[in-house]
Amino acid sequence: MANRKIPRATAKRLPIYYRYLNILLDANKHRVSSTELSEAVQVDSATIRRDFSYFGELGKRGYGYDVEDLLNFFKEILNQDKLTNVALIGVGNLGHALLNFNFHQNSNVRISAAFDVNADLINTVQSGVPVYSMEEMSEQLQDQQIDVVILTIPSESAQKVTDQLVKIGIRGILNFTPLRLSVPTEVRVQNVDLTNELQTLIYFIDHYNMPED
């Protein structure tokens, strides 16, 4: 089940479904239709049914979806029963903001280690997360069995640090730098370009009457 191949767009929507199902369960709602899901998560009902169809028969015609059953299914798919430790590399302004964000409250992800070159930060604890020197990065990532990192460092250092991460077996990088990283095919990079997203938003506001998905 964990190795099932589904479209990338579908995979990106699964956490959205999971989050809303949690809200429904907390509200003691026991079943939900694709139409109700569509209105809540702003994804059309046909797309939701198609997304769910990749995993077999999750609902019943005329009944909809059992909220608890669907939640438990996606919990398994998204490995929500397993806590995943990730590392933050770069404890600047954005890095501090990410440390202060409570990932664990809404998911199974926890930042358990951070790394920086700033002597004032090294060997301190920031928002409950220990900060290590960059010289300790390889050892700590291996000792803590971390294979996913968040990268929030200056662009000029990003590729060099990425090359180090690849050597020690990092499998996933959430890249907040503008640089498009060069990595081998077995390493997954997710780019988060805040400037690009803001510019895209402004473009749609200026050129379209209705918001786009």
N, C-alpha and C. Protein backbone atom coordinates (compact mmCIF):
# COMPACT_ATOMS: atom_id res chain seq x y z
N MET A 1 0.83 -1.21 0.00
CA MET A 1 0.00 0.00 0.00
C MET A 1 0.86 1.25 0.00
N ALA A 2 1.96 1.21 0.80
CA ALA A 2 2.80 2.40 0.90
C ALA A 2 3.50 2.71 -0.41
N ASN A 3 3.70 1.67 -1.26
CA ASN A 3 4.43 1.88 -2.50
C ASN A 3 3.51 2.13 -3.69
N ARG A 4 2.20 2.27 -3.45
CA ARG A 4 1.26 2.49 -4.53
C ARG A 4 1.61 3.77 -5.28
N LYS A 5 1.66 3.69 -6.60
CA LYS A 5 1.96 4.85 -7.42
C LYS A 5 0.68 5.59 -7.77
N ILE A 6 0.59 6.83 -7.39
CA ILE A 6 -0.56 7.66 -7.71
C ILE A 6 -0.05 8.97 -8.30
N PRO A 7 -0.90 9.70 -9.02
CA PRO A 7 -0.45 10.97 -9.60
C PRO A 7 0.04 11.94 -8.53
N ARG A 8 1.02 12.73 -8.90
CA ARG A 8 1.61 13.69 -7.98
C ARG A 8 0.55 14.67 -7.44
N ALA A 9 -0.35 15.12 -8.30
CA ALA A 9 -1.38 16.05 -7.86
C ALA A 9 -2.28 15.43 -6.80
N THR A 10 -2.60 14.15 -6.97
CA THR A 10 -3.40 13.44 -5.97
C THR A 10 -2.66 13.34 -4.65
N ALA A 11 -1.38 12.99 -4.71
CA ALA A 11 -0.58 12.87 -3.49
C ALA A 11 -0.55 14.17 -2.70
N LYS A 12 -0.51 15.30 -3.41
CA LYS A 12 -0.45 16.60 -2.73
C LYS A 12 -1.78 16.94 -2.06
N ARG A 13 -2.87 16.34 -2.54
CA ARG A 13 -4.17 16.62 -1.93
C ARG A 13 -4.48 15.73 -0.73
N LEU A 14 -3.81 14.61 -0.58
CA LEU A 14 -4.12 13.68 0.50
C LEU A 14 -4.02 14.31 1.89
N PRO A 15 -2.98 15.09 2.20
CA PRO A 15 -2.94 15.73 3.52
C PRO A 15 -4.10 16.70 3.75
N ILE A 16 -4.60 17.32 2.67
CA ILE A 16 -5.73 18.23 2.80
C ILE A 16 -6.97 17.46 3.22
N TYR A 17 -7.21 16.32 2.57
CA TYR A 17 -8.34 15.46 2.94
C TYR A 17 -8.19 15.00 4.39
N TYR A 18 -7.00 14.57 4.73
CA TYR A 18 -6.76 14.04 6.08
C TYR A 18 -7.04 15.09 7.15
N ARG A 19 -6.60 16.31 6.90
CA ARG A 19 -6.79 17.40 7.87
C ARG A 19 -8.28 17.67 8.07
N TYR A 20 -9.04 17.70 6.98
CA TYR A 20 -10.46 18.01 7.12
C TYR A 20 -11.22 16.85 7.77
N LEU A 21 -10.83 15.63 7.48
CA LEU A 21 -11.47 14.48 8.13
C LEU A 21 -11.27 14.52 9.63
N ASN A 22 -10.11 14.98 10.08
CA ASN A 22 -9.89 15.15 11.51
C ASN A 22 -10.86 16.16 12.11
N ILE A 23 -11.10 17.24 11.36
CA ILE A 23 -12.05 18.27 11.82
C ILE A 23 -13.46 17.66 11.94
N LEU A 24 -13.85 16.86 10.95
CA LEU A 24 -15.16 16.24 10.97
C LEU A 24 -15.30 15.29 12.15
N LEU A 25 -14.26 14.49 12.40
CA LEU A 25 -14.31 13.55 13.51
C LEU A 25 -14.43 14.28 14.85
N ASP A 26 -13.67 15.37 14.99
CA ASP A 26 -13.75 16.16 16.22
C ASP A 26 -15.14 16.75 16.42
N ALA A 27 -15.85 16.99 15.31
CA ALA A 27 -17.20 17.54 15.37
C ALA A 27 -18.26 16.43 15.47
N ASN A 28 -17.82 15.19 15.69
CA ASN A 28 -18.71 14.04 15.84
C ASN A 28 -19.56 13.78 14.59
N LYS A 29 -19.01 14.10 13.42
CA LYS A 29 -19.70 13.79 12.16
C LYS A 29 -19.22 12.42 11.69
N HIS A 30 -20.16 11.54 11.39
CA HIS A 30 -19.81 10.15 11.13
C HIS A 30 -19.72 9.79 9.65
N ARG A 31 -20.37 10.57 8.80
CA ARG A 31 -20.25 10.29 7.38
C ARG A 31 -20.25 11.59 6.60
N VAL A 32 -19.68 11.52 5.39
CA VAL A 32 -19.55 12.72 4.57
C VAL A 32 -19.63 12.33 3.11
N SER A 33 -20.22 13.17 2.30
CA SER A 33 -20.31 12.92 0.87
C SER A 33 -19.17 13.63 0.15
N SER A 34 -18.93 13.23 -1.10
CA SER A 34 -17.88 13.91 -1.88
C SER A 34 -18.26 15.37 -2.12
N THR A 35 -19.55 15.66 -2.21
CA THR A 35 -20.00 17.04 -2.40
C THR A 35 -19.66 17.90 -1.18
N GLU A 36 -19.90 17.35 0.02
CA GLU A 36 -19.56 18.07 1.25
C GLU A 36 -18.05 18.28 1.36
N LEU A 37 -17.29 17.24 1.02
CA LEU A 37 -15.84 17.38 1.02
C LEU A 37 -15.40 18.45 0.03
N SER A 38 -16.03 18.45 -1.13
CA SER A 38 -15.68 19.40 -2.17
C SER A 38 -15.86 20.84 -1.69
N GLU A 39 -16.98 21.11 -1.05
CA GLU A 39 -17.24 22.46 -0.56
C GLU A 39 -16.25 22.88 0.51
N ALA A 40 -15.81 21.92 1.31
CA ALA A 40 -14.92 22.24 2.43
C ALA A 40 -13.48 22.45 1.99
N VAL A 41 -12.99 21.61 1.08
CA VAL A 41 -11.56 21.67 0.73
C VAL A 41 -11.32 22.36 -0.61
N GLN A 42 -12.40 22.82 -1.26
CA GLN A 42 -12.29 23.55 -2.53
C GLN A 42 -11.62 22.72 -3.62
N VAL A 43 -12.01 21.45 -3.68
CA VAL A 43 -11.61 20.56 -4.76
C VAL A 43 -12.90 19.96 -5.31
N ASP A 44 -13.09 19.96 -6.63
CA ASP A 44 -14.37 19.52 -7.17
C ASP A 44 -14.60 18.04 -6.84
N SER A 45 -15.88 17.67 -6.69
CA SER A 45 -16.24 16.34 -6.20
C SER A 45 -15.78 15.23 -7.15
N ALA A 46 -15.76 15.50 -8.46
CA ALA A 46 -15.28 14.49 -9.41
C ALA A 46 -13.81 14.18 -9.18
N THR A 47 -13.03 15.20 -8.88
CA THR A 47 -11.61 15.00 -8.59
C THR A 47 -11.42 14.21 -7.31
N ILE A 48 -12.22 14.52 -6.30
CA ILE A 48 -12.14 13.78 -5.04
C ILE A 48 -12.45 12.31 -5.26
N ARG A 49 -13.52 12.03 -6.00
CA ARG A 49 -13.87 10.62 -6.26
C ARG A 49 -12.77 9.93 -7.06
N ARG A 50 -12.17 10.65 -8.00
CA ARG A 50 -11.08 10.05 -8.78
C ARG A 50 -9.87 9.81 -7.89
N ASP A 51 -9.54 10.77 -7.02
CA ASP A 51 -8.41 10.58 -6.10
C ASP A 51 -8.64 9.34 -5.23
N PHE A 52 -9.83 9.22 -4.69
CA PHE A 52 -10.12 8.10 -3.80
C PHE A 52 -10.12 6.77 -4.55
N SER A 53 -10.49 6.81 -5.83
CA SER A 53 -10.60 5.57 -6.61
C SER A 53 -9.26 4.87 -6.79
N TYR A 54 -8.16 5.61 -6.66
CA TYR A 54 -6.83 4.99 -6.77
C TYR A 54 -6.59 3.99 -5.65
N PHE A 55 -7.39 4.10 -4.58
CA PHE A 55 -7.19 3.24 -3.41
C PHE A 55 -8.29 2.20 -3.25
N GLY A 56 -9.13 2.04 -4.29
CA GLY A 56 -10.19 1.06 -4.22
C GLY A 56 -11.52 1.70 -3.82
N GLU A 57 -12.43 0.87 -3.31
CA GLU A 57 -13.76 1.33 -2.92
C GLU A 57 -13.72 1.85 -1.49
N LEU A 58 -13.64 3.15 -1.34
CA LEU A 58 -13.57 3.74 0.00
C LEU A 58 -14.94 4.19 0.52
N GLY A 59 -15.90 4.32 -0.39
CA GLY A 59 -17.23 4.78 0.01
C GLY A 59 -18.31 3.88 -0.54
N LYS A 60 -19.56 4.22 -0.23
CA LYS A 60 -20.70 3.46 -0.70
C LYS A 60 -21.67 4.39 -1.41
N ARG A 61 -22.16 3.96 -2.57
CA ARG A 61 -23.12 4.77 -3.33
C ARG A 61 -24.37 5.01 -2.48
N GLY A 62 -24.79 6.25 -2.40
CA GLY A 62 -25.97 6.61 -1.62
C GLY A 62 -25.69 6.84 -0.15
N TYR A 63 -24.48 6.47 0.30
CA TYR A 63 -24.12 6.66 1.71
C TYR A 63 -23.02 7.70 1.87
N GLY A 64 -22.07 7.66 0.96
CA GLY A 64 -20.90 8.54 1.08
C GLY A 64 -19.74 7.81 1.71
N TYR A 65 -19.02 8.51 2.55
CA TYR A 65 -17.82 7.95 3.17
C TYR A 65 -17.96 7.94 4.68
N ASP A 66 -17.57 6.85 5.29
CA ASP A 66 -17.51 6.78 6.74
C ASP A 66 -16.28 7.56 7.20
N VAL A 67 -16.51 8.61 7.99
CA VAL A 67 -15.43 9.53 8.35
C VAL A 67 -14.31 8.82 9.09
N GLU A 68 -14.64 8.02 10.09
CA GLU A 68 -13.60 7.36 10.89
C GLU A 68 -12.83 6.34 10.07
N ASP A 69 -13.55 5.57 9.25
CA ASP A 69 -12.87 4.58 8.41
C ASP A 69 -11.93 5.26 7.41
N LEU A 70 -12.43 6.35 6.80
CA LEU A 70 -11.62 7.07 5.82
C LEU A 70 -10.41 7.72 6.49
N LEU A 71 -10.61 8.26 7.68
CA LEU A 71 -9.51 8.87 8.42
C LEU A 71 -8.45 7.84 8.76
N ASN A 72 -8.86 6.68 9.22
CA ASN A 72 -7.90 5.63 9.56
C ASN A 72 -7.15 5.14 8.33
N PHE A 73 -7.85 5.10 7.19
CA PHE A 73 -7.20 4.68 5.96
C PHE A 73 -6.10 5.65 5.57
N PHE A 74 -6.44 6.96 5.57
CA PHE A 74 -5.43 7.95 5.19
C PHE A 74 -4.33 8.09 6.23
N LYS A 75 -4.65 7.79 7.47
CA LYS A 75 -3.63 7.80 8.51
C LYS A 75 -2.55 6.78 8.20
N GLU A 76 -2.97 5.61 7.70
CA GLU A 76 -2.01 4.58 7.32
C GLU A 76 -1.25 4.98 6.06
N ILE A 77 -1.98 5.50 5.06
CA ILE A 77 -1.34 5.90 3.81
C ILE A 77 -0.27 6.96 4.05
N LEU A 78 -0.58 7.92 4.92
CA LEU A 78 0.32 9.05 5.18
C LEU A 78 1.29 8.77 6.33
N ASN A 79 1.28 7.53 6.84
CA ASN A 79 2.18 7.15 7.94
C ASN A 79 2.01 8.04 9.16
N GLN A 80 0.75 8.39 9.47
CA GLN A 80 0.51 9.26 10.61
C GLN A 80 0.70 8.56 11.95
N ASP A 81 0.77 7.24 11.94
CA ASP A 81 1.02 6.51 13.18
C ASP A 81 2.51 6.48 13.53
N LYS A 82 3.33 6.93 12.60
CA LYS A 82 4.78 6.91 12.80
C LYS A 82 5.32 8.33 12.85
N LEU A 83 5.97 8.69 13.94
CA LEU A 83 6.55 10.01 14.07
C LEU A 83 7.78 10.12 13.19
N THR A 84 7.84 11.17 12.38
CA THR A 84 8.98 11.40 11.49
C THR A 84 9.76 12.62 11.98
N ASN A 85 11.01 12.38 12.32
CA ASN A 85 11.89 13.48 12.72
C ASN A 85 12.57 14.07 11.48
N VAL A 86 12.57 15.38 11.41
CA VAL A 86 13.25 16.08 10.33
C VAL A 86 14.23 17.08 10.94
N ALA A 87 15.15 17.56 10.11
CA ALA A 87 16.13 18.53 10.58
C ALA A 87 15.96 19.84 9.83
N LEU A 88 16.28 20.93 10.51
CA LEU A 88 16.26 22.26 9.92
C LEU A 88 17.70 22.72 9.74
N ILE A 89 18.06 23.15 8.55
CA ILE A 89 19.41 23.65 8.30
C ILE A 89 19.31 25.12 7.94
N GLY A 90 19.74 25.95 8.87
CA GLY A 90 19.64 27.40 8.71
C GLY A 90 18.64 27.99 9.69
N VAL A 91 19.13 28.58 10.77
CA VAL A 91 18.25 29.12 11.81
C VAL A 91 18.24 30.64 11.75
N GLY A 92 17.93 31.17 10.56
CA GLY A 92 17.76 32.61 10.41
C GLY A 92 16.32 32.99 10.70
N ASN A 93 15.85 34.07 10.10
CA ASN A 93 14.49 34.53 10.37
C ASN A 93 13.44 33.49 9.96
N LEU A 94 13.58 32.96 8.74
CA LEU A 94 12.63 31.95 8.30
C LEU A 94 12.78 30.67 9.11
N GLY A 95 14.02 30.30 9.38
CA GLY A 95 14.26 29.10 10.19
C GLY A 95 13.62 29.20 11.56
N HIS A 96 13.77 30.36 12.20
CA HIS A 96 13.13 30.56 13.50
C HIS A 96 11.62 30.44 13.41
N ALA A 97 11.04 30.99 12.34
CA ALA A 97 9.59 30.91 12.16
C ALA A 97 9.14 29.46 12.03
N LEU A 98 9.92 28.65 11.31
CA LEU A 98 9.56 27.24 11.15
C LEU A 98 9.73 26.47 12.46
N LEU A 99 10.71 26.84 13.25
CA LEU A 99 10.87 26.20 14.56
C LEU A 99 9.69 26.50 15.47
N ASN A 100 9.16 27.71 15.32
CA ASN A 100 8.03 28.11 16.17
C ASN A 100 6.71 27.52 15.70
N PHE A 101 6.69 27.04 14.46
CA PHE A 101 5.47 26.43 13.95
C PHE A 101 5.36 25.01 14.48
N ASN A 102 4.20 24.71 15.06
CA ASN A 102 4.03 23.40 15.70
C ASN A 102 3.59 22.35 14.67
N PHE A 103 4.56 21.81 13.94
CA PHE A 103 4.24 20.78 12.95
C PHE A 103 3.55 19.59 13.60
N HIS A 104 4.04 19.19 14.78
CA HIS A 104 3.56 17.96 15.40
C HIS A 104 2.10 18.05 15.80
N GLN A 105 1.60 19.27 16.02
CA GLN A 105 0.20 19.42 16.40
C GLN A 105 -0.73 18.99 15.27
N ASN A 106 -0.31 19.21 14.03
CA ASN A 106 -1.17 18.94 12.89
C ASN A 106 -0.74 17.75 12.04
N SER A 107 0.38 17.14 12.38
CA SER A 107 0.87 16.03 11.56
C SER A 107 1.80 15.16 12.39
N ASN A 108 2.41 14.19 11.73
CA ASN A 108 3.34 13.30 12.41
C ASN A 108 4.79 13.77 12.26
N VAL A 109 4.99 15.03 11.91
CA VAL A 109 6.32 15.56 11.64
C VAL A 109 6.80 16.40 12.82
N ARG A 110 8.07 16.22 13.17
CA ARG A 110 8.66 17.01 14.25
C ARG A 110 10.09 17.40 13.86
N ILE A 111 10.42 18.68 14.01
CA ILE A 111 11.81 19.11 13.84
C ILE A 111 12.55 18.73 15.12
N SER A 112 13.52 17.85 15.00
CA SER A 112 14.21 17.36 16.19
C SER A 112 15.65 17.86 16.30
N ALA A 113 16.16 18.49 15.23
CA ALA A 113 17.52 19.02 15.27
C ALA A 113 17.63 20.17 14.28
N ALA A 114 18.46 21.15 14.63
CA ALA A 114 18.70 22.29 13.74
C ALA A 114 20.20 22.53 13.66
N PHE A 115 20.63 23.15 12.54
CA PHE A 115 22.06 23.38 12.31
C PHE A 115 22.27 24.78 11.79
N ASP A 116 23.37 25.41 12.24
CA ASP A 116 23.67 26.77 11.81
C ASP A 116 25.16 27.03 11.99
N VAL A 117 25.61 28.16 11.38
CA VAL A 117 27.01 28.56 11.51
C VAL A 117 27.18 29.66 12.55
N ASN A 118 26.08 30.19 13.06
CA ASN A 118 26.12 31.29 14.02
C ASN A 118 26.53 30.79 15.39
N ALA A 119 27.70 31.25 15.87
CA ALA A 119 28.21 30.79 17.17
C ALA A 119 27.26 31.12 18.32
N ASP A 120 26.46 32.19 18.16
CA ASP A 120 25.52 32.56 19.23
C ASP A 120 24.35 31.59 19.33
N LEU A 121 24.11 30.82 18.26
CA LEU A 121 23.00 29.87 18.26
C LEU A 121 23.44 28.44 18.57
N ILE A 122 24.68 28.12 18.17
CA ILE A 122 25.19 26.76 18.36
C ILE A 122 25.22 26.40 19.84
N ASN A 123 24.78 25.19 20.14
CA ASN A 123 24.71 24.66 21.52
C ASN A 123 23.64 25.36 22.36
N THR A 124 22.64 25.95 21.69
CA THR A 124 21.48 26.48 22.39
C THR A 124 20.26 25.65 21.99
N VAL A 125 19.17 25.90 22.68
CA VAL A 125 17.89 25.26 22.35
C VAL A 125 16.93 26.34 21.92
N GLN A 126 16.44 26.24 20.69
CA GLN A 126 15.52 27.24 20.14
C GLN A 126 14.15 26.59 19.93
N SER A 127 13.15 27.13 20.64
CA SER A 127 11.78 26.59 20.55
C SER A 127 11.75 25.08 20.80
N GLY A 128 12.56 24.65 21.75
CA GLY A 128 12.59 23.25 22.12
C GLY A 128 13.46 22.37 21.24
N VAL A 129 14.17 22.97 20.28
CA VAL A 129 14.98 22.20 19.33
C VAL A 129 16.46 22.54 19.53
N PRO A 130 17.31 21.54 19.75
CA PRO A 130 18.74 21.81 19.91
C PRO A 130 19.38 22.25 18.60
N VAL A 131 20.27 23.24 18.69
CA VAL A 131 20.96 23.75 17.51
C VAL A 131 22.42 23.30 17.55
N TYR A 132 22.86 22.64 16.48
CA TYR A 132 24.22 22.14 16.38
C TYR A 132 25.00 22.93 15.33
N SER A 133 26.31 22.79 15.38
CA SER A 133 27.15 23.41 14.35
C SER A 133 27.05 22.61 13.05
N MET A 134 27.38 23.26 11.94
CA MET A 134 27.35 22.56 10.66
C MET A 134 28.36 21.42 10.62
N GLU A 135 29.44 21.54 11.39
CA GLU A 135 30.44 20.48 11.45
C GLU A 135 29.86 19.19 12.05
N GLU A 136 28.82 19.33 12.85
CA GLU A 136 28.20 18.16 13.49
C GLU A 136 27.06 17.59 12.66
N MET A 137 26.76 18.20 11.53
CA MET A 137 25.57 17.83 10.77
C MET A 137 25.56 16.36 10.36
N SER A 138 26.60 15.90 9.73
CA SER A 138 26.63 14.52 9.24
C SER A 138 26.44 13.52 10.38
N GLU A 139 27.18 13.73 11.45
CA GLU A 139 27.11 12.80 12.59
C GLU A 139 25.72 12.79 13.21
N GLN A 140 25.16 13.97 13.44
CA GLN A 140 23.86 14.05 14.10
C GLN A 140 22.75 13.47 13.24
N LEU A 141 22.76 13.77 11.95
CA LEU A 141 21.72 13.25 11.07
C LEU A 141 21.75 11.73 11.02
N GLN A 142 22.95 11.17 11.00
CA GLN A 142 23.07 9.72 10.99
C GLN A 142 22.68 9.12 12.32
N ASP A 143 23.14 9.73 13.42
CA ASP A 143 22.83 9.21 14.75
C ASP A 143 21.33 9.25 15.03
N GLN A 144 20.67 10.32 14.57
CA GLN A 144 19.24 10.47 14.83
C GLN A 144 18.38 9.84 13.74
N GLN A 145 19.03 9.22 12.76
CA GLN A 145 18.34 8.52 11.66
C GLN A 145 17.35 9.44 10.95
N ILE A 146 17.80 10.65 10.68
CA ILE A 146 16.99 11.64 9.98
C ILE A 146 17.31 11.57 8.49
N ASP A 147 16.28 11.44 7.66
CA ASP A 147 16.53 11.40 6.22
C ASP A 147 15.74 12.45 5.44
N VAL A 148 15.13 13.41 6.17
CA VAL A 148 14.44 14.53 5.53
C VAL A 148 14.89 15.81 6.21
N VAL A 149 15.23 16.82 5.42
CA VAL A 149 15.68 18.10 5.98
C VAL A 149 14.94 19.27 5.34
N ILE A 150 14.88 20.36 6.09
CA ILE A 150 14.35 21.63 5.59
C ILE A 150 15.54 22.56 5.40
N LEU A 151 15.66 23.12 4.21
CA LEU A 151 16.82 23.94 3.88
C LEU A 151 16.43 25.41 3.81
N THR A 152 16.97 26.21 4.74
CA THR A 152 16.67 27.65 4.77
C THR A 152 17.98 28.43 4.95
N ILE A 153 18.91 28.20 4.05
CA ILE A 153 20.22 28.83 4.12
C ILE A 153 20.42 29.73 2.91
N PRO A 154 21.45 30.59 2.91
CA PRO A 154 21.71 31.43 1.73
C PRO A 154 21.94 30.59 0.48
N SER A 155 21.51 31.11 -0.65
CA SER A 155 21.60 30.36 -1.92
C SER A 155 23.02 29.94 -2.25
N GLU A 156 23.99 30.81 -1.93
CA GLU A 156 25.37 30.51 -2.31
C GLU A 156 25.93 29.27 -1.58
N SER A 157 25.29 28.88 -0.49
CA SER A 157 25.75 27.71 0.25
C SER A 157 24.89 26.48 -0.01
N ALA A 158 23.78 26.65 -0.69
CA ALA A 158 22.77 25.59 -0.77
C ALA A 158 23.27 24.34 -1.47
N GLN A 159 23.94 24.47 -2.62
CA GLN A 159 24.36 23.28 -3.36
C GLN A 159 25.46 22.53 -2.62
N LYS A 160 26.39 23.27 -2.01
CA LYS A 160 27.47 22.61 -1.26
C LYS A 160 26.90 21.79 -0.11
N VAL A 161 25.96 22.38 0.63
CA VAL A 161 25.35 21.67 1.74
C VAL A 161 24.53 20.49 1.22
N THR A 162 23.84 20.68 0.11
CA THR A 162 23.06 19.59 -0.48
C THR A 162 23.94 18.42 -0.86
N ASP A 163 25.11 18.70 -1.41
CA ASP A 163 26.04 17.63 -1.78
C ASP A 163 26.45 16.83 -0.54
N GLN A 164 26.64 17.52 0.58
CA GLN A 164 26.96 16.83 1.83
C GLN A 164 25.79 15.96 2.28
N LEU A 165 24.59 16.48 2.15
CA LEU A 165 23.40 15.73 2.56
C LEU A 165 23.23 14.47 1.73
N VAL A 166 23.47 14.58 0.44
CA VAL A 166 23.34 13.43 -0.45
C VAL A 166 24.33 12.35 -0.04
N LYS A 167 25.53 12.73 0.31
CA LYS A 167 26.58 11.77 0.68
C LYS A 167 26.20 10.95 1.91
N ILE A 168 25.45 11.56 2.83
CA ILE A 168 25.11 10.84 4.06
C ILE A 168 23.75 10.15 3.97
N GLY A 169 23.12 10.21 2.79
CA GLY A 169 21.92 9.42 2.58
C GLY A 169 20.60 10.12 2.79
N ILE A 170 20.59 11.46 2.82
CA ILE A 170 19.32 12.17 2.95
C ILE A 170 18.44 11.86 1.74
N ARG A 171 17.15 11.60 1.99
CA ARG A 171 16.25 11.18 0.92
C ARG A 171 15.30 12.29 0.46
N GLY A 172 15.09 13.30 1.31
CA GLY A 172 14.14 14.35 0.96
C GLY A 172 14.59 15.71 1.46
N ILE A 173 14.41 16.74 0.63
CA ILE A 173 14.80 18.11 0.99
C ILE A 173 13.64 19.04 0.68
N LEU A 174 13.19 19.77 1.70
CA LEU A 174 12.22 20.85 1.49
C LEU A 174 13.04 22.11 1.33
N ASN A 175 13.11 22.61 0.11
CA ASN A 175 14.06 23.66 -0.24
C ASN A 175 13.39 25.04 -0.26
N PHE A 176 13.73 25.88 0.69
CA PHE A 176 13.20 27.23 0.74
C PHE A 176 14.12 28.24 0.07
N THR A 177 15.24 27.78 -0.50
CA THR A 177 16.15 28.70 -1.17
C THR A 177 15.71 28.89 -2.62
N PRO A 178 16.05 30.01 -3.26
CA PRO A 178 15.68 30.21 -4.67
C PRO A 178 16.43 29.29 -5.63
N LEU A 179 17.54 28.70 -5.17
CA LEU A 179 18.37 27.86 -6.03
C LEU A 179 17.69 26.53 -6.32
N ARG A 180 17.71 26.11 -7.57
CA ARG A 180 17.22 24.79 -7.94
C ARG A 180 18.36 23.80 -7.79
N LEU A 181 18.21 22.93 -6.82
CA LEU A 181 19.29 22.05 -6.41
C LEU A 181 19.49 20.90 -7.40
N SER A 182 20.74 20.50 -7.54
CA SER A 182 21.10 19.34 -8.36
C SER A 182 21.28 18.15 -7.44
N VAL A 183 20.44 17.13 -7.62
CA VAL A 183 20.50 15.94 -6.76
C VAL A 183 20.32 14.70 -7.63
N PRO A 184 20.75 13.53 -7.16
CA PRO A 184 20.51 12.29 -7.90
C PRO A 184 19.02 11.94 -7.87
N THR A 185 18.62 11.05 -8.75
CA THR A 185 17.20 10.73 -8.92
C THR A 185 16.57 10.14 -7.66
N GLU A 186 17.35 9.52 -6.80
CA GLU A 186 16.77 8.89 -5.61
C GLU A 186 16.47 9.90 -4.49
N VAL A 187 16.88 11.14 -4.67
CA VAL A 187 16.62 12.18 -3.67
C VAL A 187 15.49 13.08 -4.17
N ARG A 188 14.49 13.25 -3.34
CA ARG A 188 13.33 14.08 -3.70
C ARG A 188 13.51 15.49 -3.14
N VAL A 189 13.33 16.50 -4.00
CA VAL A 189 13.40 17.90 -3.57
C VAL A 189 12.05 18.56 -3.80
N GLN A 190 11.52 19.18 -2.77
CA GLN A 190 10.30 19.96 -2.89
C GLN A 190 10.68 21.43 -2.73
N ASN A 191 10.48 22.22 -3.79
CA ASN A 191 10.86 23.63 -3.76
C ASN A 191 9.70 24.50 -3.26
N VAL A 192 10.02 25.37 -2.32
CA VAL A 192 9.03 26.33 -1.80
C VAL A 192 9.58 27.72 -2.06
N ASP A 193 9.08 28.38 -3.09
CA ASP A 193 9.53 29.72 -3.46
C ASP A 193 8.45 30.72 -3.08
N LEU A 194 8.60 31.36 -1.93
CA LEU A 194 7.57 32.26 -1.42
C LEU A 194 7.37 33.46 -2.34
N THR A 195 8.45 33.98 -2.90
CA THR A 195 8.34 35.13 -3.81
C THR A 195 7.55 34.76 -5.05
N ASN A 196 7.85 33.59 -5.61
CA ASN A 196 7.15 33.13 -6.80
C ASN A 196 5.66 32.93 -6.51
N GLU A 197 5.35 32.35 -5.36
CA GLU A 197 3.94 32.12 -5.01
C GLU A 197 3.20 33.44 -4.87
N LEU A 198 3.85 34.43 -4.26
CA LEU A 198 3.21 35.73 -4.08
C LEU A 198 3.00 36.42 -5.43
N GLN A 199 4.01 36.35 -6.29
CA GLN A 199 3.88 36.95 -7.62
C GLN A 199 2.78 36.27 -8.44
N THR A 200 2.68 34.94 -8.32
CA THR A 200 1.62 34.22 -9.01
C THR A 200 0.25 34.65 -8.51
N LEU A 201 0.12 34.79 -7.20
CA LEU A 201 -1.14 35.23 -6.61
C LEU A 201 -1.53 36.61 -7.15
N ILE A 202 -0.58 37.53 -7.17
CA ILE A 202 -0.85 38.88 -7.66
C ILE A 202 -1.24 38.86 -9.14
N TYR A 203 -0.59 38.00 -9.91
CA TYR A 203 -0.91 37.88 -11.34
C TYR A 203 -2.36 37.44 -11.52
N PHE A 204 -2.78 36.43 -10.77
CA PHE A 204 -4.14 35.94 -10.90
C PHE A 204 -5.15 37.00 -10.46
N ILE A 205 -4.83 37.74 -9.42
CA ILE A 205 -5.73 38.81 -8.96
C ILE A 205 -5.91 39.86 -10.05
N ASP A 206 -4.80 40.16 -10.73
CA ASP A 206 -4.83 41.24 -11.75
C ASP A 206 -5.45 40.78 -13.06
N HIS A 207 -5.42 39.48 -13.37
CA HIS A 207 -5.81 39.03 -14.71
C HIS A 207 -7.03 38.12 -14.77
N TYR A 208 -7.50 37.67 -13.63
CA TYR A 208 -8.64 36.75 -13.63
C TYR A 208 -9.73 37.25 -12.69
N ASN A 209 -10.96 37.08 -13.11
CA ASN A 209 -12.08 37.50 -12.27
C ASN A 209 -12.35 36.51 -11.15
N MET A 210 -12.11 35.22 -11.42
CA MET A 210 -12.34 34.18 -10.43
C MET A 210 -11.03 33.54 -10.06
N PRO A 211 -10.84 33.14 -8.80
CA PRO A 211 -9.60 32.49 -8.40
C PRO A 211 -9.43 31.13 -9.06
N GLU A 212 -8.16 30.80 -9.35
CA GLU A 212 -7.86 29.50 -9.94
C GLU A 212 -7.44 28.52 -8.86
N ASP A 213 -7.67 27.21 -9.09
CA ASP A 213 -7.21 26.19 -8.16
C ASP A 213 -5.69 26.10 -8.21
